[in-house]
Amino acid sequence: MRETGATARGKQLVGTFAKQILNRLIIDLSWNSSRLEGNTYSLLDTKRLIAFGHMPEGKTQLETQMILNHKEAIEFLVDSAKEIGFNRYTVLNLHALLSNNLLSDPESMGRLRQIAVGIEKSTFHPLQVPKLIEEYLDQVLTTAKIIENPFEQALFVMVHLPYLQPFDDVNKRVSRLVANMPLIKANLIPLSFTDVLTTTYTEAILGVYELNQIDLLKDAFIWAYERSAKRHTLIKQSLGEPDPFRQKHREALYEIIQAIVLERLGKKAAFQRITAYAKKHIETDEQEQFRQVSENEILGLHEGNFARYRIKPVQFKAWQDVWN
């Protein structure tokens, strides 16, 4: 797994690789972790929500909040890579970020459980005594801290945090992000749970709850990491065939990207402008693809590539001040 997840030779600052792929990690991990909780957002919907603040029709506020909470929590993990660790500060604040605006009692965000809870579709009853919950959480964190292998640390917390249920709710989400912490700190490819079936993950967790067996969760963990590593491996740049769709719509792409920059549009306004432009100027069967290409282009615009859209430095700087 270490060979699969290695990102660079030589010593790097803590969290370097995660910062390099932060935008992609936020989208993939937010979507997959939310999907495992029954969230019905698609990957594209998730990207548009995170990048442009666009909430698609038919989605609930709960689903939207869940994804936005993941975004905040992942940014906390990456931005604070040097400071975080297997301690209460990290785990409690991750819970507060992931549960923000989702729990009926606002005081329970980031607070250890004071009440008894049940597990849906399970006869398992988690520990109920608050004092013991505190003691066992400290024991779990202390044990995780002294484990040397980052993959063993990750699997350990994926097993023990859901089993302990230290919070009123959102425990599995916390465990999935805490599992990424040692990988981020070691500059290994993060675990985004790519292609993990909800049924497989649920059965694996139930195996821990009901039987105290980790076999299925371990297998799912290894398989999921290999899939995540393939997705997040940096692709070497190489010359390839030009994209015929981009060639066909070259002038249209110039026009819409240039308009967004020159008019200094923010994220939501840019999303709306792209949608309106596609409906007016692009053939119906190509509108969705044009929207996706345009969104990728505007999100990928930086100081080293804006000139190809006939944009001047002063214009780009003025737009960036609004965009950011």
C-alpha atoms as a PDB file:
ATOM      1  CA  MET A   1       0.000   0.000   0.000  1.00  0.00           C
ATOM      2  CA  ARG A   2       2.876   2.340   0.710  1.00  0.00           C
ATOM      3  CA  GLU A   3       4.270   1.732  -2.781  1.00  0.00           C
ATOM      4  CA  THR A   4       0.825   2.375  -4.237  1.00  0.00           C
ATOM      5  CA  GLY A   5       0.349   5.571  -2.265  1.00  0.00           C
ATOM      6  CA  ALA A   6       3.830   7.075  -2.562  1.00  0.00           C
ATOM      7  CA  THR A   7       3.788  10.531  -4.155  1.00  0.00           C
ATOM      8  CA  ALA A   8       7.404  11.698  -4.315  1.00  0.00           C
ATOM      9  CA  ARG A   9      10.964  10.779  -3.527  1.00  0.00           C
ATOM     10  CA  GLY A  10      12.771  12.610  -0.786  1.00  0.00           C
ATOM     11  CA  LYS A  11      11.493  14.451   2.246  1.00  0.00           C
ATOM     12  CA  GLN A  12       8.651  16.940   1.870  1.00  0.00           C
ATOM     13  CA  LEU A  13       6.865  19.264   4.245  1.00  0.00           C
ATOM     14  CA  VAL A  14       3.864  17.737   6.004  1.00  0.00           C
ATOM     15  CA  GLY A  15       0.741  17.860   3.848  1.00  0.00           C
ATOM     16  CA  THR A  16       2.523  18.953   0.662  1.00  0.00           C
ATOM     17  CA  PHE A  17       0.850  16.459  -1.663  1.00  0.00           C
ATOM     18  CA  ALA A  18      -2.652  17.011  -0.248  1.00  0.00           C
ATOM     19  CA  LYS A  19      -2.270  20.740  -0.882  1.00  0.00           C
ATOM     20  CA  GLN A  20      -1.278  20.030  -4.480  1.00  0.00           C
ATOM     21  CA  ILE A  21      -4.464  18.054  -5.146  1.00  0.00           C
ATOM     22  CA  LEU A  22      -6.723  19.890  -2.681  1.00  0.00           C
ATOM     23  CA  ASN A  23      -9.446  20.897  -5.140  1.00  0.00           C
ATOM     24  CA  ARG A  24      -9.740  17.373  -6.542  1.00  0.00           C
ATOM     25  CA  LEU A  25      -9.579  15.824  -3.060  1.00  0.00           C
ATOM     26  CA  ILE A  26     -12.348  18.067  -1.741  1.00  0.00           C
ATOM     27  CA  ILE A  27     -14.684  17.086  -4.558  1.00  0.00           C
ATOM     28  CA  ASP A  28     -13.928  13.347  -4.534  1.00  0.00           C
ATOM     29  CA  LEU A  29     -13.867  12.815  -0.773  1.00  0.00           C
ATOM     30  CA  SER A  30     -16.851  15.092  -0.101  1.00  0.00           C
ATOM     31  CA  TRP A  31     -18.910  13.259  -2.704  1.00  0.00           C
ATOM     32  CA  ASN A  32     -17.913   9.717  -1.779  1.00  0.00           C
ATOM     33  CA  SER A  33     -18.161  10.165   1.982  1.00  0.00           C
ATOM     34  CA  SER A  34     -21.569  11.848   1.603  1.00  0.00           C
ATOM     35  CA  ARG A  35     -22.690   9.161  -0.842  1.00  0.00           C
ATOM     36  CA  LEU A  36     -21.935   6.500   1.764  1.00  0.00           C
ATOM     37  CA  GLU A  37     -24.438   8.312   4.013  1.00  0.00           C
ATOM     38  CA  GLY A  38     -27.186   8.115   1.380  1.00  0.00           C
ATOM     39  CA  ASN A  39     -26.601  11.543  -0.169  1.00  0.00           C
ATOM     40  CA  THR A  40     -28.033  11.687  -3.714  1.00  0.00           C
ATOM     41  CA  TYR A  41     -25.786  14.405  -5.156  1.00  0.00           C
ATOM     42  CA  SER A  42     -23.926  13.323  -8.288  1.00  0.00           C
ATOM     43  CA  LEU A  43     -20.203  13.925  -8.679  1.00  0.00           C
ATOM     44  CA  LEU A  44     -20.920  16.740 -11.156  1.00  0.00           C
ATOM     45  CA  ASP A  45     -23.504  18.293  -8.812  1.00  0.00           C
ATOM     46  CA  THR A  46     -20.943  18.144  -6.010  1.00  0.00           C
ATOM     47  CA  LYS A  47     -18.315  19.855  -8.136  1.00  0.00           C
ATOM     48  CA  ARG A  48     -20.702  22.636  -9.117  1.00  0.00           C
ATOM     49  CA  LEU A  49     -21.847  23.164  -5.537  1.00  0.00           C
ATOM     50  CA  ILE A  50     -18.279  23.407  -4.246  1.00  0.00           C
ATOM     51  CA  ALA A  51     -16.881  25.414  -7.151  1.00  0.00           C
ATOM     52  CA  PHE A  52     -19.799  27.736  -7.931  1.00  0.00           C
ATOM     53  CA  GLY A  53     -22.182  27.473  -4.972  1.00  0.00           C
ATOM     54  CA  HIS A  54     -24.879  26.050  -7.248  1.00  0.00           C
ATOM     55  CA  MET A  55     -27.530  23.895  -5.546  1.00  0.00           C
ATOM     56  CA  PRO A  56     -29.307  21.715  -8.139  1.00  0.00           C
ATOM     57  CA  GLU A  57     -33.057  21.256  -8.172  1.00  0.00           C
ATOM     58  CA  GLY A  58     -34.465  18.318  -6.243  1.00  0.00           C
ATOM     59  CA  LYS A  59     -31.729  18.209  -3.601  1.00  0.00           C
ATOM     60  CA  THR A  60     -32.452  18.811   0.064  1.00  0.00           C
ATOM     61  CA  GLN A  61     -30.824  21.375   2.311  1.00  0.00           C
ATOM     62  CA  LEU A  62     -29.546  18.485   4.434  1.00  0.00           C
ATOM     63  CA  GLU A  63     -27.705  16.941   1.476  1.00  0.00           C
ATOM     64  CA  THR A  64     -26.254  20.290   0.491  1.00  0.00           C
ATOM     65  CA  GLN A  65     -25.114  21.063   4.040  1.00  0.00           C
ATOM     66  CA  MET A  66     -23.511  17.622   4.339  1.00  0.00           C
ATOM     67  CA  ILE A  67     -21.311  18.215   1.306  1.00  0.00           C
ATOM     68  CA  LEU A  68     -20.383  21.775   2.289  1.00  0.00           C
ATOM     69  CA  ASN A  69     -19.455  20.503   5.761  1.00  0.00           C
ATOM     70  CA  HIS A  70     -17.128  17.938   4.198  1.00  0.00           C
ATOM     71  CA  LYS A  71     -15.462  20.706   2.204  1.00  0.00           C
ATOM     72  CA  GLU A  72     -14.774  22.716   5.369  1.00  0.00           C
ATOM     73  CA  ALA A  73     -13.522  19.663   7.255  1.00  0.00           C
ATOM     74  CA  ILE A  74     -11.145  18.578   4.472  1.00  0.00           C
ATOM     75  CA  GLU A  75      -9.750  22.093   4.196  1.00  0.00           C
ATOM     76  CA  PHE A  76      -9.152  22.021   7.960  1.00  0.00           C
ATOM     77  CA  LEU A  77      -7.274  18.723   7.667  1.00  0.00           C
ATOM     78  CA  VAL A  78      -5.028  19.970   4.877  1.00  0.00           C
ATOM     79  CA  ASP A  79      -4.486  23.543   6.045  1.00  0.00           C
ATOM     80  CA  SER A  80      -3.681  22.382   9.604  1.00  0.00           C
ATOM     81  CA  ALA A  81      -1.646  19.321   8.624  1.00  0.00           C
ATOM     82  CA  LYS A  82       1.241  20.342  10.886  1.00  0.00           C
ATOM     83  CA  GLU A  83      -0.934  20.950  13.964  1.00  0.00           C
ATOM     84  CA  ILE A  84      -3.464  18.120  13.830  1.00  0.00           C
ATOM     85  CA  GLY A  85      -2.970  14.682  15.333  1.00  0.00           C
ATOM     86  CA  PHE A  86      -4.651  11.900  17.243  1.00  0.00           C
ATOM     87  CA  ASN A  87      -5.989  14.166  19.957  1.00  0.00           C
ATOM     88  CA  ARG A  88      -9.260  15.678  21.110  1.00  0.00           C
ATOM     89  CA  TYR A  89      -8.575  19.006  19.422  1.00  0.00           C
ATOM     90  CA  THR A  90      -8.515  17.369  15.985  1.00  0.00           C
ATOM     91  CA  VAL A  91     -11.343  14.874  16.431  1.00  0.00           C
ATOM     92  CA  LEU A  92     -13.748  17.216  18.218  1.00  0.00           C
ATOM     93  CA  ASN A  93     -13.229  20.023  15.733  1.00  0.00           C
ATOM     94  CA  LEU A  94     -13.640  17.667  12.778  1.00  0.00           C
ATOM     95  CA  HIS A  95     -16.952  16.597  14.277  1.00  0.00           C
ATOM     96  CA  ALA A  96     -18.011  20.223  14.744  1.00  0.00           C
ATOM     97  CA  LEU A  97     -17.218  20.968  11.099  1.00  0.00           C
ATOM     98  CA  LEU A  98     -18.924  17.829   9.749  1.00  0.00           C
ATOM     99  CA  SER A  99     -22.040  18.207  11.921  1.00  0.00           C
ATOM    100  CA  ASN A 100     -22.456  21.958  11.478  1.00  0.00           C
ATOM    101  CA  ASN A 101     -26.159  22.842  11.102  1.00  0.00           C
ATOM    102  CA  LEU A 102     -27.121  19.148  10.961  1.00  0.00           C
ATOM    103  CA  LEU A 103     -27.858  18.311  14.619  1.00  0.00           C
ATOM    104  CA  SER A 104     -30.968  19.361  16.525  1.00  0.00           C
ATOM    105  CA  ASP A 105     -28.880  20.408  19.532  1.00  0.00           C
ATOM    106  CA  PRO A 106     -26.238  22.958  18.433  1.00  0.00           C
ATOM    107  CA  GLU A 107     -24.233  22.321  21.609  1.00  0.00           C
ATOM    108  CA  SER A 108     -23.656  18.694  20.573  1.00  0.00           C
ATOM    109  CA  MET A 109     -21.422  19.788  17.679  1.00  0.00           C
ATOM    110  CA  GLY A 110     -17.883  18.936  18.743  1.00  0.00           C
ATOM    111  CA  ARG A 111     -19.058  17.631  22.126  1.00  0.00           C
ATOM    112  CA  LEU A 112     -18.736  14.054  23.317  1.00  0.00           C
ATOM    113  CA  ARG A 113     -21.953  12.118  23.649  1.00  0.00           C
ATOM    114  CA  GLN A 114     -24.006  12.529  26.827  1.00  0.00           C
ATOM    115  CA  ILE A 115     -26.951  10.365  25.755  1.00  0.00           C
ATOM    116  CA  ALA A 116     -27.610   6.759  24.762  1.00  0.00           C
ATOM    117  CA  VAL A 117     -27.856   6.081  21.022  1.00  0.00           C
ATOM    118  CA  GLY A 118     -28.959   3.163  18.887  1.00  0.00           C
ATOM    119  CA  ILE A 119     -27.643   1.926  15.556  1.00  0.00           C
ATOM    120  CA  GLU A 120     -30.097   1.670  12.676  1.00  0.00           C
ATOM    121  CA  LYS A 121     -30.550  -1.890  11.368  1.00  0.00           C
ATOM    122  CA  SER A 122     -28.405  -3.245  14.192  1.00  0.00           C
ATOM    123  CA  THR A 123     -28.916  -4.797  17.614  1.00  0.00           C
ATOM    124  CA  PHE A 124     -25.606  -3.290  18.754  1.00  0.00           C
ATOM    125  CA  HIS A 125     -25.849  -0.867  21.683  1.00  0.00           C
ATOM    126  CA  PRO A 126     -22.852   1.480  22.007  1.00  0.00           C
ATOM    127  CA  LEU A 127     -21.397   2.397  25.365  1.00  0.00           C
ATOM    128  CA  GLN A 128     -23.758   4.676  27.326  1.00  0.00           C
ATOM    129  CA  VAL A 129     -21.812   6.089  30.300  1.00  0.00           C
ATOM    130  CA  PRO A 130     -20.392   9.545  29.378  1.00  0.00           C
ATOM    131  CA  LYS A 131     -17.342   9.184  31.612  1.00  0.00           C
ATOM    132  CA  LEU A 132     -16.430   5.868  30.003  1.00  0.00           C
ATOM    133  CA  ILE A 133     -16.956   7.305  26.521  1.00  0.00           C
ATOM    134  CA  GLU A 134     -14.361   9.969  27.346  1.00  0.00           C
ATOM    135  CA  GLU A 135     -11.921   7.430  28.763  1.00  0.00           C
ATOM    136  CA  TYR A 136     -12.218   5.065  25.822  1.00  0.00           C
ATOM    137  CA  LEU A 137     -11.899   7.864  23.271  1.00  0.00           C
ATOM    138  CA  ASP A 138      -8.662   8.923  24.941  1.00  0.00           C
ATOM    139  CA  GLN A 139      -7.504   5.302  24.858  1.00  0.00           C
ATOM    140  CA  VAL A 140      -8.332   4.965  21.153  1.00  0.00           C
ATOM    141  CA  LEU A 141      -6.451   8.178  20.336  1.00  0.00           C
ATOM    142  CA  THR A 142      -3.457   7.240  22.488  1.00  0.00           C
ATOM    143  CA  THR A 143      -3.236   3.832  20.848  1.00  0.00           C
ATOM    144  CA  ALA A 144      -3.555   5.278  17.342  1.00  0.00           C
ATOM    145  CA  LYS A 145      -0.821   7.791  18.122  1.00  0.00           C
ATOM    146  CA  ILE A 146       1.772   5.128  18.981  1.00  0.00           C
ATOM    147  CA  ILE A 147       1.026   2.994  15.891  1.00  0.00           C
ATOM    148  CA  GLU A 148       3.847   3.677  13.430  1.00  0.00           C
ATOM    149  CA  ASN A 149       2.320   2.611  10.115  1.00  0.00           C
ATOM    150  CA  PRO A 150      -0.044   5.296   8.683  1.00  0.00           C
ATOM    151  CA  PHE A 151      -2.227   2.692   6.969  1.00  0.00           C
ATOM    152  CA  GLU A 152      -2.653   0.760  10.215  1.00  0.00           C
ATOM    153  CA  GLN A 153      -3.515   4.017  11.952  1.00  0.00           C
ATOM    154  CA  ALA A 154      -6.136   4.759   9.304  1.00  0.00           C
ATOM    155  CA  LEU A 155      -7.784   1.349   9.547  1.00  0.00           C
ATOM    156  CA  PHE A 156      -7.611   1.419  13.355  1.00  0.00           C
ATOM    157  CA  VAL A 157      -9.680   4.607  13.628  1.00  0.00           C
ATOM    158  CA  MET A 158     -12.084   3.433  10.922  1.00  0.00           C
ATOM    159  CA  VAL A 159     -12.837   0.468  13.180  1.00  0.00           C
ATOM    160  CA  HIS A 160     -12.826   2.003  16.642  1.00  0.00           C
ATOM    161  CA  LEU A 161     -14.437   5.421  16.240  1.00  0.00           C
ATOM    162  CA  PRO A 162     -17.704   4.098  14.765  1.00  0.00           C
ATOM    163  CA  TYR A 163     -17.708   1.268  17.329  1.00  0.00           C
ATOM    164  CA  LEU A 164     -17.333   3.684  20.234  1.00  0.00           C
ATOM    165  CA  GLN A 165     -19.815   6.220  18.779  1.00  0.00           C
ATOM    166  CA  PRO A 166     -18.290   9.102  20.765  1.00  0.00           C
ATOM    167  CA  PHE A 167     -20.742  11.653  19.315  1.00  0.00           C
ATOM    168  CA  ASP A 168     -24.523  11.905  19.071  1.00  0.00           C
ATOM    169  CA  ASP A 169     -24.281  11.392  15.292  1.00  0.00           C
ATOM    170  CA  VAL A 170     -21.881  11.805  12.311  1.00  0.00           C
ATOM    171  CA  ASN A 171     -19.421   9.276  13.786  1.00  0.00           C
ATOM    172  CA  LYS A 172     -18.654   7.382  10.577  1.00  0.00           C
ATOM    173  CA  ARG A 173     -18.013  10.612   8.690  1.00  0.00           C
ATOM    174  CA  VAL A 174     -15.555  11.641  11.388  1.00  0.00           C
ATOM    175  CA  SER A 175     -13.824   8.257  11.185  1.00  0.00           C
ATOM    176  CA  ARG A 176     -13.396   8.505   7.399  1.00  0.00           C
ATOM    177  CA  LEU A 177     -11.749  11.902   7.632  1.00  0.00           C
ATOM    178  CA  VAL A 178      -9.618  11.019  10.661  1.00  0.00           C
ATOM    179  CA  ALA A 179      -8.449   7.968   8.685  1.00  0.00           C
ATOM    180  CA  ASN A 180      -7.085  10.372   6.078  1.00  0.00           C
ATOM    181  CA  MET A 181      -5.092  12.363   8.603  1.00  0.00           C
ATOM    182  CA  PRO A 182      -2.045  10.038   8.852  1.00  0.00           C
ATOM    183  CA  LEU A 183      -1.998   9.676   5.056  1.00  0.00           C
ATOM    184  CA  ILE A 184      -2.043  13.444   4.556  1.00  0.00           C
ATOM    185  CA  LYS A 185       0.667  13.985   7.160  1.00  0.00           C
ATOM    186  CA  ALA A 186       2.861  11.308   5.535  1.00  0.00           C
ATOM    187  CA  ASN A 187       2.349  12.789   2.033  1.00  0.00           C
ATOM    188  CA  LEU A 188       0.660   9.614   0.838  1.00  0.00           C
ATOM    189  CA  ILE A 189      -2.243   9.637  -1.589  1.00  0.00           C
ATOM    190  CA  PRO A 190      -5.420  10.207   0.474  1.00  0.00           C
ATOM    191  CA  LEU A 191      -8.283   7.737   0.744  1.00  0.00           C
ATOM    192  CA  SER A 192     -11.317   9.119  -1.084  1.00  0.00           C
ATOM    193  CA  PHE A 193     -13.423   5.903  -0.986  1.00  0.00           C
ATOM    194  CA  THR A 194     -13.713   5.883  -4.771  1.00  0.00           C
ATOM    195  CA  ASP A 195     -16.189   3.270  -6.111  1.00  0.00           C
ATOM    196  CA  VAL A 196     -16.913   1.799  -2.643  1.00  0.00           C
ATOM    197  CA  LEU A 197     -20.473   0.470  -2.658  1.00  0.00           C
ATOM    198  CA  THR A 198     -22.706   1.730   0.135  1.00  0.00           C
ATOM    199  CA  THR A 199     -23.885  -1.838   0.794  1.00  0.00           C
ATOM    200  CA  THR A 200     -20.310  -3.088   1.128  1.00  0.00           C
ATOM    201  CA  TYR A 201     -19.335  -0.326   3.535  1.00  0.00           C
ATOM    202  CA  THR A 202     -22.509  -0.787   5.599  1.00  0.00           C
ATOM    203  CA  GLU A 203     -21.998  -4.551   5.855  1.00  0.00           C
ATOM    204  CA  ALA A 204     -18.363  -4.023   6.809  1.00  0.00           C
ATOM    205  CA  ILE A 205     -19.307  -1.653   9.643  1.00  0.00           C
ATOM    206  CA  LEU A 206     -22.077  -4.009  10.791  1.00  0.00           C
ATOM    207  CA  GLY A 207     -19.481  -6.776  10.936  1.00  0.00           C
ATOM    208  CA  VAL A 208     -17.584  -4.658  13.452  1.00  0.00           C
ATOM    209  CA  TYR A 209     -20.720  -3.798  15.437  1.00  0.00           C
ATOM    210  CA  GLU A 210     -22.349  -7.220  15.496  1.00  0.00           C
ATOM    211  CA  LEU A 211     -19.437  -9.662  15.345  1.00  0.00           C
ATOM    212  CA  ASN A 212     -16.342  -7.659  16.348  1.00  0.00           C
ATOM    213  CA  GLN A 213     -14.828  -8.785  13.062  1.00  0.00           C
ATOM    214  CA  ILE A 214     -12.865  -6.376  10.879  1.00  0.00           C
ATOM    215  CA  ASP A 215     -12.177  -8.681   7.918  1.00  0.00           C
ATOM    216  CA  LEU A 216     -14.621  -7.134   5.457  1.00  0.00           C
ATOM    217  CA  LEU A 217     -13.765  -3.588   6.486  1.00  0.00           C
ATOM    218  CA  LYS A 218     -10.057  -4.369   6.086  1.00  0.00           C
ATOM    219  CA  ASP A 219     -10.604  -5.808   2.601  1.00  0.00           C
ATOM    220  CA  ALA A 220     -12.781  -2.839   1.624  1.00  0.00           C
ATOM    221  CA  PHE A 221     -10.145  -0.466   2.994  1.00  0.00           C
ATOM    222  CA  ILE A 222      -7.330  -2.020   0.935  1.00  0.00           C
ATOM    223  CA  TRP A 223      -9.445  -2.217  -2.223  1.00  0.00           C
ATOM    224  CA  ALA A 224     -10.707   1.356  -1.788  1.00  0.00           C
ATOM    225  CA  TYR A 225      -7.208   2.685  -1.278  1.00  0.00           C
ATOM    226  CA  GLU A 226      -5.977   1.115  -4.488  1.00  0.00           C
ATOM    227  CA  ARG A 227      -8.900   2.679  -6.373  1.00  0.00           C
ATOM    228  CA  SER A 228      -8.356   6.069  -4.733  1.00  0.00           C
ATOM    229  CA  ALA A 229      -4.634   5.952  -5.488  1.00  0.00           C
ATOM    230  CA  LYS A 230      -5.283   5.342  -9.169  1.00  0.00           C
ATOM    231  CA  ARG A 231      -7.656   8.301  -9.293  1.00  0.00           C
ATOM    232  CA  HIS A 232      -5.356  10.700  -7.484  1.00  0.00           C
ATOM    233  CA  THR A 233      -2.046   9.706  -9.050  1.00  0.00           C
ATOM    234  CA  LEU A 234      -0.634  12.726 -10.821  1.00  0.00           C
ATOM    235  CA  ILE A 235      -0.849  12.170 -14.565  1.00  0.00           C
ATOM    236  CA  LYS A 236       2.348  12.913 -16.454  1.00  0.00           C
ATOM    237  CA  GLN A 237       1.832  15.519 -19.111  1.00  0.00           C
ATOM    238  CA  SER A 238       2.204  14.205 -22.620  1.00  0.00           C
ATOM    239  CA  LEU A 239       1.309  15.313 -26.109  1.00  0.00           C
ATOM    240  CA  GLY A 240      -1.948  13.872 -27.323  1.00  0.00           C
ATOM    241  CA  GLU A 241      -4.550  14.354 -30.003  1.00  0.00           C
ATOM    242  CA  PRO A 242      -6.329  17.750 -29.841  1.00  0.00           C
ATOM    243  CA  ASP A 243      -9.847  17.614 -28.407  1.00  0.00           C
ATOM    244  CA  PRO A 244     -12.227  17.972 -31.385  1.00  0.00           C
ATOM    245  CA  PHE A 245     -14.961  19.421 -29.157  1.00  0.00           C
ATOM    246  CA  ARG A 246     -12.673  22.220 -27.965  1.00  0.00           C
ATOM    247  CA  GLN A 247     -11.570  22.870 -31.529  1.00  0.00           C
ATOM    248  CA  LYS A 248     -15.159  23.113 -32.688  1.00  0.00           C
ATOM    249  CA  HIS A 249     -16.141  25.542 -29.934  1.00  0.00           C
ATOM    250  CA  ARG A 250     -12.833  27.392 -29.706  1.00  0.00           C
ATOM    251  CA  GLU A 251     -14.265  30.847 -30.348  1.00  0.00           C
ATOM    252  CA  ALA A 252     -17.245  30.256 -28.063  1.00  0.00           C
ATOM    253  CA  LEU A 253     -14.927  29.231 -25.232  1.00  0.00           C
ATOM    254  CA  TYR A 254     -12.805  32.339 -25.818  1.00  0.00           C
ATOM    255  CA  GLU A 255     -15.923  34.489 -25.737  1.00  0.00           C
ATOM    256  CA  ILE A 256     -17.462  33.109 -22.538  1.00  0.00           C
ATOM    257  CA  ILE A 257     -14.201  32.920 -20.536  1.00  0.00           C
ATOM    258  CA  GLN A 258     -13.190  36.410 -21.642  1.00  0.00           C
ATOM    259  CA  ALA A 259     -16.618  37.789 -20.705  1.00  0.00           C
ATOM    260  CA  ILE A 260     -16.457  36.282 -17.200  1.00  0.00           C
ATOM    261  CA  VAL A 261     -13.037  37.824 -16.572  1.00  0.00           C
ATOM    262  CA  LEU A 262     -13.614  41.236 -18.149  1.00  0.00           C
ATOM    263  CA  GLU A 263     -16.949  41.639 -16.382  1.00  0.00           C
ATOM    264  CA  ARG A 264     -15.351  40.511 -13.097  1.00  0.00           C
ATOM    265  CA  LEU A 265     -18.006  37.893 -12.372  1.00  0.00           C
ATOM    266  CA  GLY A 266     -17.942  35.904  -9.139  1.00  0.00           C
ATOM    267  CA  LYS A 267     -18.512  32.165  -8.928  1.00  0.00           C
ATOM    268  CA  LYS A 268     -22.329  32.095  -8.890  1.00  0.00           C
ATOM    269  CA  ALA A 269     -22.634  34.755 -11.573  1.00  0.00           C
ATOM    270  CA  ALA A 270     -20.100  32.900 -13.739  1.00  0.00           C
ATOM    271  CA  PHE A 271     -22.028  29.650 -13.437  1.00  0.00           C
ATOM    272  CA  GLN A 272     -25.242  31.390 -14.457  1.00  0.00           C
ATOM    273  CA  ARG A 273     -23.543  33.136 -17.389  1.00  0.00           C
ATOM    274  CA  ILE A 274     -22.115  29.849 -18.722  1.00  0.00           C
ATOM    275  CA  THR A 275     -25.542  28.188 -18.466  1.00  0.00           C
ATOM    276  CA  ALA A 276     -27.287  31.054 -20.252  1.00  0.00           C
ATOM    277  CA  TYR A 277     -24.593  31.256 -22.959  1.00  0.00           C
ATOM    278  CA  ALA A 278     -24.816  27.529 -23.679  1.00  0.00           C
ATOM    279  CA  LYS A 279     -28.603  27.661 -24.030  1.00  0.00           C
ATOM    280  CA  LYS A 280     -28.392  30.587 -26.440  1.00  0.00           C
ATOM    281  CA  HIS A 281     -25.381  29.706 -28.587  1.00  0.00           C
ATOM    282  CA  ILE A 282     -24.708  25.953 -28.389  1.00  0.00           C
ATOM    283  CA  GLU A 283     -26.647  23.087 -29.949  1.00  0.00           C
ATOM    284  CA  THR A 284     -28.966  21.368 -27.482  1.00  0.00           C
ATOM    285  CA  ASP A 285     -27.184  18.013 -27.474  1.00  0.00           C
ATOM    286  CA  GLU A 286     -23.829  19.688 -26.792  1.00  0.00           C
ATOM    287  CA  GLN A 287     -24.887  22.213 -24.149  1.00  0.00           C
ATOM    288  CA  GLU A 288     -24.043  20.084 -21.112  1.00  0.00           C
ATOM    289  CA  GLN A 289     -20.590  19.207 -22.437  1.00  0.00           C
ATOM    290  CA  PHE A 290     -19.934  22.848 -23.280  1.00  0.00           C
ATOM    291  CA  ARG A 291     -20.922  23.845 -19.739  1.00  0.00           C
ATOM    292  CA  GLN A 292     -18.536  21.302 -18.237  1.00  0.00           C
ATOM    293  CA  VAL A 293     -15.645  22.327 -20.491  1.00  0.00           C
ATOM    294  CA  SER A 294     -16.250  26.018 -19.775  1.00  0.00           C
ATOM    295  CA  GLU A 295     -16.452  25.390 -16.024  1.00  0.00           C
ATOM    296  CA  ASN A 296     -13.185  23.464 -16.096  1.00  0.00           C
ATOM    297  CA  GLU A 297     -11.535  26.224 -18.081  1.00  0.00           C
ATOM    298  CA  ILE A 298     -12.566  29.032 -15.741  1.00  0.00           C
ATOM    299  CA  LEU A 299     -11.618  26.982 -12.669  1.00  0.00           C
ATOM    300  CA  GLY A 300      -8.231  26.208 -14.212  1.00  0.00           C
ATOM    301  CA  LEU A 301      -7.428  29.792 -15.138  1.00  0.00           C
ATOM    302  CA  HIS A 302      -4.273  31.114 -13.438  1.00  0.00           C
ATOM    303  CA  GLU A 303      -1.524  33.667 -13.925  1.00  0.00           C
ATOM    304  CA  GLY A 304       0.385  31.380 -16.266  1.00  0.00           C
ATOM    305  CA  ASN A 305      -2.340  30.710 -18.836  1.00  0.00           C
ATOM    306  CA  PHE A 306      -4.841  33.599 -19.058  1.00  0.00           C
ATOM    307  CA  ALA A 307      -3.191  35.253 -22.075  1.00  0.00           C
ATOM    308  CA  ARG A 308      -4.601  32.605 -24.417  1.00  0.00           C
ATOM    309  CA  TYR A 309      -8.021  34.175 -23.795  1.00  0.00           C
ATOM    310  CA  ARG A 310      -6.756  37.611 -24.900  1.00  0.00           C
ATOM    311  CA  ILE A 311      -6.874  38.837 -21.314  1.00  0.00           C
ATOM    312  CA  LYS A 312      -4.396  41.398 -19.995  1.00  0.00           C
ATOM    313  CA  PRO A 313      -2.640  41.129 -16.600  1.00  0.00           C
ATOM    314  CA  VAL A 314      -4.489  44.080 -15.082  1.00  0.00           C
ATOM    315  CA  GLN A 315      -7.824  42.580 -16.184  1.00  0.00           C
ATOM    316  CA  PHE A 316      -6.953  39.194 -14.744  1.00  0.00           C
ATOM    317  CA  LYS A 317      -5.860  40.728 -11.417  1.00  0.00           C
ATOM    318  CA  ALA A 318      -9.085  42.735 -11.102  1.00  0.00           C
ATOM    319  CA  TRP A 319     -11.162  39.600 -11.753  1.00  0.00           C
ATOM    320  CA  GLN A 320      -9.158  37.505  -9.303  1.00  0.00           C
ATOM    321  CA  ASP A 321      -9.859  40.002  -6.533  1.00  0.00           C
ATOM    322  CA  VAL A 322     -13.581  39.361  -7.044  1.00  0.00           C
ATOM    323  CA  TRP A 323     -13.332  35.616  -7.740  1.00  0.00           C
ATOM    324  CA  ASN A 324     -11.340  34.866  -4.590  1.00  0.00           C
END
